[in-house]
């Protein structure tokens, strides 16, 4: 599909980061819950040359009036697809109208894609897919640190873009200051949720279109930060599901119920401990007024930031007439309400 808005198009080649993959693959349940990717290390790996067997592609579409305060939407395709997905391009076209920067990534290198088209061995390897998403998120949100390096201009020269280098650097710098939305389809939605758990401070929200969130480790789903308290930064999640997607919709319903439940349970346990403490304090101090308990109790502010949208008569791929248009409508409405 031709994207007919006024935007700058940049094609990047980013290196495979096996460290990310092995961390996810080898971590036990307890380790998965830790912040495995808190530090942005080994920056020079992002400034290596373009080798199609060790790099994967990402297209960055930047509206010319894109500025600080706007958001960036990263599209993560599903199994058997690529950054050329016509439906993701259609949604990106609509989001460009909202002055969002839209990034469409491949999850595989060229060689990996050839192999997977035959063997299908990697398309459900969620740790691998997540490691690629984390690589893109780390790159886009830390470009300011890379710009300071001498190698960066050489890296820019390798990009497929007709704009002046200074213009490219300026827009990339703006991207690094803005929050991101992850838009995942099918298995790409699993990678989006998994990645967001580790990058929640810079992610504004996650959209799952016909997603496979059941492929995310259950410990991540239960502790996913979509349950808001006074003590955490909550991440809104939008589930968009086709009403005729008979295989995947039950899986989405199950995860929609489970997501964030671990945080809710921890919060209720914390409230119970605090309540017991206040009751003991009151019984030991006759001057303590009962109304103080209610005044200190602010737990009514706790809530889930998750929403569900059915697309009537749509199947898993949303190829039916009007289906992807409905996806775009729900996506734009939801994004307008994001902080």
Protein backbone atom coordinates (compact mmCIF):
# COMPACT_ATOMS: atom_id res chain seq x y z
CA UNK A 1 0.00 0.00 0.00
CA UNK A 2 1.23 3.48 -0.85
CA UNK A 3 1.46 5.79 2.14
CA UNK A 4 0.34 9.11 0.74
CA UNK A 5 1.02 11.50 3.61
CA UNK A 6 3.84 13.97 4.03
CA UNK A 7 6.43 11.95 5.91
CA UNK A 8 10.08 11.00 5.94
CA UNK A 9 10.84 7.33 5.31
CA UNK A 10 13.98 5.73 6.76
CA UNK A 11 15.03 2.11 6.44
CA UNK A 12 17.30 0.86 9.22
CA UNK A 13 19.20 -2.37 9.65
CA UNK A 14 19.57 -3.34 13.29
CA UNK A 15 21.83 -6.13 14.57
CA UNK A 16 20.61 -9.33 16.12
CA UNK A 17 21.24 -9.21 19.88
CA UNK A 18 21.71 -12.78 21.05
CA UNK A 19 22.36 -11.62 24.61
CA UNK A 20 18.71 -10.54 24.89
CA UNK A 21 17.54 -13.86 23.48
CA UNK A 22 19.62 -16.04 25.80
CA UNK A 23 18.64 -14.00 28.85
CA UNK A 24 14.97 -14.67 28.12
CA UNK A 25 15.47 -18.27 27.06
CA UNK A 26 17.57 -19.31 30.05
CA UNK A 27 15.81 -17.34 32.81
CA UNK A 28 13.75 -19.22 35.35
CA UNK A 29 10.37 -17.93 36.52
CA UNK A 30 11.84 -15.85 39.35
CA UNK A 31 14.50 -14.33 37.08
CA UNK A 32 11.91 -13.46 34.42
CA UNK A 33 10.17 -11.23 36.94
CA UNK A 34 13.36 -9.23 37.52
CA UNK A 35 14.28 -6.32 35.29
CA UNK A 36 16.61 -8.21 32.97
CA UNK A 37 17.08 -5.27 30.62
CA UNK A 38 17.32 -2.25 32.90
CA UNK A 39 20.63 -1.05 31.47
CA UNK A 40 21.30 0.00 27.90
CA UNK A 41 24.70 -1.65 27.45
CA UNK A 42 26.96 -2.44 24.51
CA UNK A 43 25.86 0.58 22.49
CA UNK A 44 28.45 0.01 19.76
CA UNK A 45 26.63 -3.12 18.60
CA UNK A 46 23.96 -0.82 17.12
CA UNK A 47 26.53 0.92 14.94
CA UNK A 48 27.84 -2.09 13.05
CA UNK A 49 27.57 -2.55 9.31
CA UNK A 50 24.65 -4.00 7.39
CA UNK A 51 24.87 -7.77 7.00
CA UNK A 52 21.59 -9.36 5.97
CA UNK A 53 22.46 -12.55 7.85
CA UNK A 54 23.00 -10.75 11.16
CA UNK A 55 20.68 -7.73 10.81
CA UNK A 56 16.94 -7.24 10.47
CA UNK A 57 15.08 -4.36 8.81
CA UNK A 58 12.82 -1.67 10.20
CA UNK A 59 11.01 1.11 8.30
CA UNK A 60 10.54 4.39 10.18
CA UNK A 61 7.84 6.73 8.86
CA UNK A 62 8.04 10.19 10.42
CA UNK A 63 5.43 12.93 9.78
CA UNK A 64 7.24 16.14 8.90
CA UNK A 65 5.48 17.98 11.76
CA UNK A 66 6.36 15.24 14.27
CA UNK A 67 7.52 16.86 17.51
CA UNK A 68 8.28 16.24 21.17
CA UNK A 69 5.09 15.14 22.91
CA UNK A 70 3.88 13.03 19.99
CA UNK A 71 4.04 9.25 20.21
CA UNK A 72 5.74 6.52 18.21
CA UNK A 73 3.89 3.34 17.25
CA UNK A 74 5.93 0.20 16.63
CA UNK A 75 4.12 -2.42 14.52
CA UNK A 76 5.10 -6.03 15.22
CA UNK A 77 3.83 -8.47 12.61
CA UNK A 78 2.48 -11.95 13.16
CA UNK A 79 3.69 -15.37 12.04
CA UNK A 80 4.43 -15.71 8.34
CA UNK A 81 4.26 -11.95 7.72
CA UNK A 82 6.76 -9.08 7.65
CA UNK A 83 7.08 -5.30 7.84
CA UNK A 84 5.32 -5.25 4.46
CA UNK A 85 2.01 -6.41 6.00
CA UNK A 86 -0.71 -4.58 4.07
CA UNK A 87 -3.03 -4.42 7.09
CA UNK A 88 -0.38 -2.97 9.38
CA UNK A 89 0.48 -0.47 6.66
CA UNK A 90 -3.18 0.52 6.45
CA UNK A 91 -3.33 1.21 10.20
CA UNK A 92 0.02 3.05 10.06
CA UNK A 93 -1.37 5.22 7.26
CA UNK A 94 -4.22 6.27 9.55
CA UNK A 95 -1.93 6.95 12.51
CA UNK A 96 0.34 9.17 10.42
CA UNK A 97 -2.69 11.46 10.13
CA UNK A 98 -2.49 11.83 13.92
CA UNK A 99 1.18 12.83 13.65
CA UNK A 100 2.39 9.58 15.16
CA UNK A 101 5.73 8.24 14.00
CA UNK A 102 5.10 4.70 12.71
CA UNK A 103 7.76 1.98 12.67
CA UNK A 104 7.22 -1.33 10.86
CA UNK A 105 9.79 -3.98 11.73
CA UNK A 106 10.85 -7.38 10.51
CA UNK A 107 11.33 -9.97 13.23
CA UNK A 108 13.82 -12.07 11.27
CA UNK A 109 16.99 -11.57 9.29
CA UNK A 110 16.75 -12.37 5.57
CA UNK A 111 18.32 -15.79 6.12
CA UNK A 112 16.08 -16.59 9.10
CA UNK A 113 13.01 -15.65 7.07
CA UNK A 114 13.98 -18.02 4.25
CA UNK A 115 14.42 -20.86 6.73
CA UNK A 116 11.24 -20.09 8.64
CA UNK A 117 9.15 -20.00 5.46
CA UNK A 118 10.09 -23.66 5.01
CA UNK A 119 10.44 -25.02 8.54
CA UNK A 120 8.28 -22.56 10.57
CA UNK A 121 10.75 -23.18 13.39
CA UNK A 122 11.03 -19.63 14.73
CA UNK A 123 7.63 -18.00 14.26
CA UNK A 124 6.42 -19.25 17.65
CA UNK A 125 9.74 -18.74 19.43
CA UNK A 126 8.46 -15.94 21.65
CA UNK A 127 11.81 -15.37 23.35
CA UNK A 128 13.44 -14.78 19.96
CA UNK A 129 10.65 -12.46 18.77
CA UNK A 130 10.73 -10.55 22.05
CA UNK A 131 14.51 -10.11 21.83
CA UNK A 132 14.06 -8.40 18.45
CA UNK A 133 11.36 -6.08 19.78
CA UNK A 134 13.54 -5.19 22.76
CA UNK A 135 16.39 -4.40 20.37
CA UNK A 136 14.23 -1.95 18.41
CA UNK A 137 12.78 -0.34 21.55
CA UNK A 138 16.24 0.07 23.06
CA UNK A 139 17.57 1.60 19.86
CA UNK A 140 14.72 4.05 19.29
CA UNK A 141 14.53 5.20 22.91
CA UNK A 142 18.29 5.64 23.33
CA UNK A 143 19.30 7.29 20.06
CA UNK A 144 20.42 10.39 21.95
CA UNK A 145 23.18 8.31 23.54
CA UNK A 146 24.23 6.90 20.16
CA UNK A 147 24.31 10.30 18.42
CA UNK A 148 27.24 11.30 20.61
CA UNK A 149 29.41 8.53 19.17
CA UNK A 150 31.69 9.09 16.19
CA UNK A 151 30.43 5.96 14.46
CA UNK A 152 26.86 7.25 14.34
CA UNK A 153 27.26 9.42 11.21
CA UNK A 154 28.76 6.47 9.35
CA UNK A 155 25.78 4.42 10.48
CA UNK A 156 23.42 7.14 9.23
CA UNK A 157 25.14 7.08 5.84
CA UNK A 158 24.18 3.40 5.52
CA UNK A 159 20.49 4.23 5.87
CA UNK A 160 18.15 4.16 2.90
CA UNK A 161 16.88 7.75 3.03
CA UNK A 162 17.03 10.83 0.80
CA UNK A 163 16.98 13.40 3.62
CA UNK A 164 19.92 15.41 4.93
CA UNK A 165 21.83 13.73 7.77
CA UNK A 166 21.13 16.64 10.13
CA UNK A 167 17.38 16.30 9.46
CA UNK A 168 17.46 12.56 10.14
CA UNK A 169 19.40 13.01 13.37
CA UNK A 170 16.96 15.69 14.54
CA UNK A 171 13.92 13.46 13.99
CA UNK A 172 15.58 10.41 15.53
CA UNK A 173 16.47 12.52 18.56
CA UNK A 174 12.80 13.50 18.93
CA UNK A 175 11.77 9.82 18.73
CA UNK A 176 14.10 9.01 21.62
CA UNK A 177 12.32 11.55 23.83
CA UNK A 178 8.77 10.36 23.13
CA UNK A 179 6.84 7.41 24.49
CA UNK A 180 6.03 4.36 22.37
CA UNK A 181 2.93 2.34 21.63
CA UNK A 182 3.47 -1.32 20.70
CA UNK A 183 0.96 -2.66 18.16
CA UNK A 184 1.27 -6.44 17.84
CA UNK A 185 -0.59 -8.84 15.58
CA UNK A 186 -0.89 -12.56 16.31
CA UNK A 187 2.47 -13.75 17.72
CA UNK A 188 3.72 -10.17 17.45
CA UNK A 189 1.25 -9.22 20.19
CA UNK A 190 2.87 -11.77 22.50
CA UNK A 191 6.28 -10.20 21.82
CA UNK A 192 4.80 -6.73 22.43
CA UNK A 193 3.39 -7.67 25.85
CA UNK A 194 6.53 -9.57 26.87
CA UNK A 195 8.76 -6.62 25.88
CA UNK A 196 6.58 -4.04 27.60
CA UNK A 197 6.99 -5.79 30.94
CA UNK A 198 10.68 -4.81 30.84
CA UNK A 199 10.31 -1.35 29.29
CA UNK A 200 7.15 -0.13 31.04
CA UNK A 201 8.61 3.26 31.94
CA UNK A 202 8.74 4.29 28.27
CA UNK A 203 5.75 2.42 26.83
CA UNK A 204 2.47 4.36 26.63
CA UNK A 205 0.31 1.36 25.80
CA UNK A 206 -0.01 -1.99 24.01
CA UNK A 207 -2.48 -3.00 21.29
CA UNK A 208 -3.11 -6.66 20.53
CA UNK A 209 -4.83 -7.35 17.17
CA UNK A 210 -5.88 -10.97 16.96
CA UNK A 211 -3.03 -11.62 19.35
CA UNK A 212 -1.55 -14.72 20.90
CA UNK A 213 -0.99 -13.44 24.45
CA UNK A 214 -1.29 -17.04 25.64
CA UNK A 215 2.30 -17.55 24.41
CA UNK A 216 3.66 -15.09 26.98
CA UNK A 217 4.92 -16.77 30.18
CA UNK A 218 2.07 -16.87 32.69
CA UNK A 219 4.18 -15.19 35.38
CA UNK A 220 4.58 -12.15 33.10
CA UNK A 221 0.84 -12.04 32.31
CA UNK A 222 -0.16 -12.22 35.98
CA UNK A 223 2.28 -9.45 36.91
CA UNK A 224 1.77 -7.32 33.83
CA UNK A 225 1.47 -3.67 34.94
CA UNK A 226 -2.02 -2.94 33.62
CA UNK A 227 -3.38 -2.84 37.18
CA UNK A 228 -2.96 0.68 38.50
CA UNK A 229 -2.17 1.53 42.11
CA UNK A 230 -0.63 4.54 43.80
CA UNK A 231 2.73 2.81 43.58
CA UNK A 232 3.15 1.78 39.94
CA UNK A 233 3.02 3.23 36.43
CA UNK A 234 0.19 1.33 34.74
CA UNK A 235 0.28 0.39 31.04
CA UNK A 236 -3.07 0.37 29.20
CA UNK A 237 -3.76 -2.66 27.00
CA UNK A 238 -6.28 -2.87 24.15
CA UNK A 239 -7.45 -6.28 22.92
CA UNK A 240 -8.94 -6.19 19.41
CA UNK A 241 -10.44 -9.57 18.52
CA UNK A 242 -12.42 -10.84 15.54
CA UNK A 243 -15.79 -12.30 16.49
CA UNK A 244 -15.24 -15.15 13.98
CA UNK A 245 -11.72 -15.93 15.19
CA UNK A 246 -12.92 -19.12 16.83
CA UNK A 247 -9.47 -20.54 17.68
CA UNK A 248 -7.80 -17.44 19.11
CA UNK A 249 -10.68 -15.52 20.73
CA UNK A 250 -11.06 -18.02 23.65
CA UNK A 251 -7.32 -17.68 24.34
CA UNK A 252 -7.66 -13.91 24.40
CA UNK A 253 -10.64 -14.07 26.76
CA UNK A 254 -8.63 -16.21 29.18
CA UNK A 255 -5.64 -13.85 29.16
CA UNK A 256 -7.86 -10.76 29.35
CA UNK A 257 -9.17 -12.07 32.67
CA UNK A 258 -5.75 -13.13 33.99
CA UNK A 259 -3.60 -10.17 32.96
CA UNK A 260 -2.54 -8.10 35.96
CA UNK A 261 -4.22 -10.38 38.51
CA UNK A 262 -0.95 -10.97 40.34
CA UNK A 263 -0.60 -7.25 41.01
CA UNK A 264 -4.20 -7.04 42.21
CA UNK A 265 -3.61 -9.92 44.64
CA UNK A 266 -0.43 -8.31 45.98
CA UNK A 267 -2.26 -5.01 46.44
CA UNK A 268 -5.11 -6.67 48.34
CA UNK A 269 -2.63 -8.48 50.58
CA UNK A 270 -0.87 -5.17 51.25
CA UNK A 271 -4.22 -3.55 52.08
CA UNK A 272 -5.08 -6.37 54.47
CA UNK A 273 -1.75 -6.00 56.28
CA UNK A 274 -2.21 -2.23 56.53
CA UNK A 275 -5.77 -2.66 57.77
CA UNK A 276 -4.66 -5.08 60.48
CA UNK A 277 -1.93 -2.66 61.50
CA UNK A 278 -4.40 0.24 61.72
CA UNK A 279 -6.85 -1.85 63.74
CA UNK A 280 -4.12 -2.76 66.24
CA UNK A 281 -3.05 0.88 66.45
CA UNK A 282 -6.61 2.01 67.12
CA UNK A 283 -7.19 -0.57 69.83
CA UNK A 284 -3.99 0.54 71.59
CA UNK A 285 -4.67 4.28 71.36
CA UNK A 286 -8.09 5.51 72.47
CA UNK A 287 -7.36 9.00 71.13
CA UNK A 288 -7.07 7.65 67.56
CA UNK A 289 -10.31 8.52 65.73
CA UNK A 290 -11.92 5.83 63.50
CA UNK A 291 -12.41 8.31 60.64
CA UNK A 292 -8.62 8.39 60.23
CA UNK A 293 -8.75 4.86 58.84
CA UNK A 294 -11.01 5.94 55.99
CA UNK A 295 -9.01 9.09 55.35
CA UNK A 296 -5.82 7.05 54.97
CA UNK A 297 -7.47 4.44 52.77
CA UNK A 298 -6.92 5.51 49.17
CA UNK A 299 -7.31 2.06 47.61
CA UNK A 300 -10.43 3.17 45.74
CA UNK A 301 -8.02 4.58 43.12
CA UNK A 302 -6.95 1.06 42.08
CA UNK A 303 -8.24 -0.16 38.69
CA UNK A 304 -7.41 -2.14 35.57
CA UNK A 305 -6.33 -0.35 32.41
CA UNK A 306 -7.46 -2.97 29.90
CA UNK A 307 -10.11 -2.75 27.20
CA UNK A 308 -11.73 -5.19 24.78
CA UNK A 309 -13.09 -4.51 21.29
CA UNK A 310 -14.90 -7.04 19.11
CA UNK A 311 -14.71 -6.63 15.35
CA UNK A 312 -17.92 -8.23 14.12
CA UNK A 313 -17.63 -10.94 11.44
CA UNK A 314 -13.82 -10.68 11.39
CA UNK A 315 -11.55 -13.73 11.37
CA UNK A 316 -7.99 -14.01 12.63
CA UNK A 317 -6.38 -12.02 9.79
CA UNK A 318 -9.09 -9.30 9.56
CA UNK A 319 -9.28 -9.69 5.78
CA UNK A 320 -13.08 -9.31 5.67
CA UNK A 321 -14.67 -6.23 4.15
CA UNK A 322 -14.52 -3.34 6.62
CA UNK A 323 -12.62 -5.32 9.30
CA UNK A 324 -9.27 -3.53 9.20
CA UNK A 325 -11.11 -0.20 8.93
CA UNK A 326 -12.79 -1.03 12.24
CA UNK A 327 -9.40 -1.91 13.74
CA UNK A 328 -8.11 1.52 12.72
CA UNK A 329 -11.18 3.24 14.18
CA UNK A 330 -10.79 1.48 17.56
CA UNK A 331 -7.05 2.13 17.56
CA UNK A 332 -7.37 5.86 16.90
CA UNK A 333 -10.10 6.28 19.52
CA UNK A 334 -8.02 4.44 22.12
CA UNK A 335 -4.83 6.37 21.37
CA UNK A 336 -6.63 9.71 21.73
CA UNK A 337 -7.39 8.79 25.36
CA UNK A 338 -3.81 7.81 26.23
CA UNK A 339 -1.77 10.03 28.53
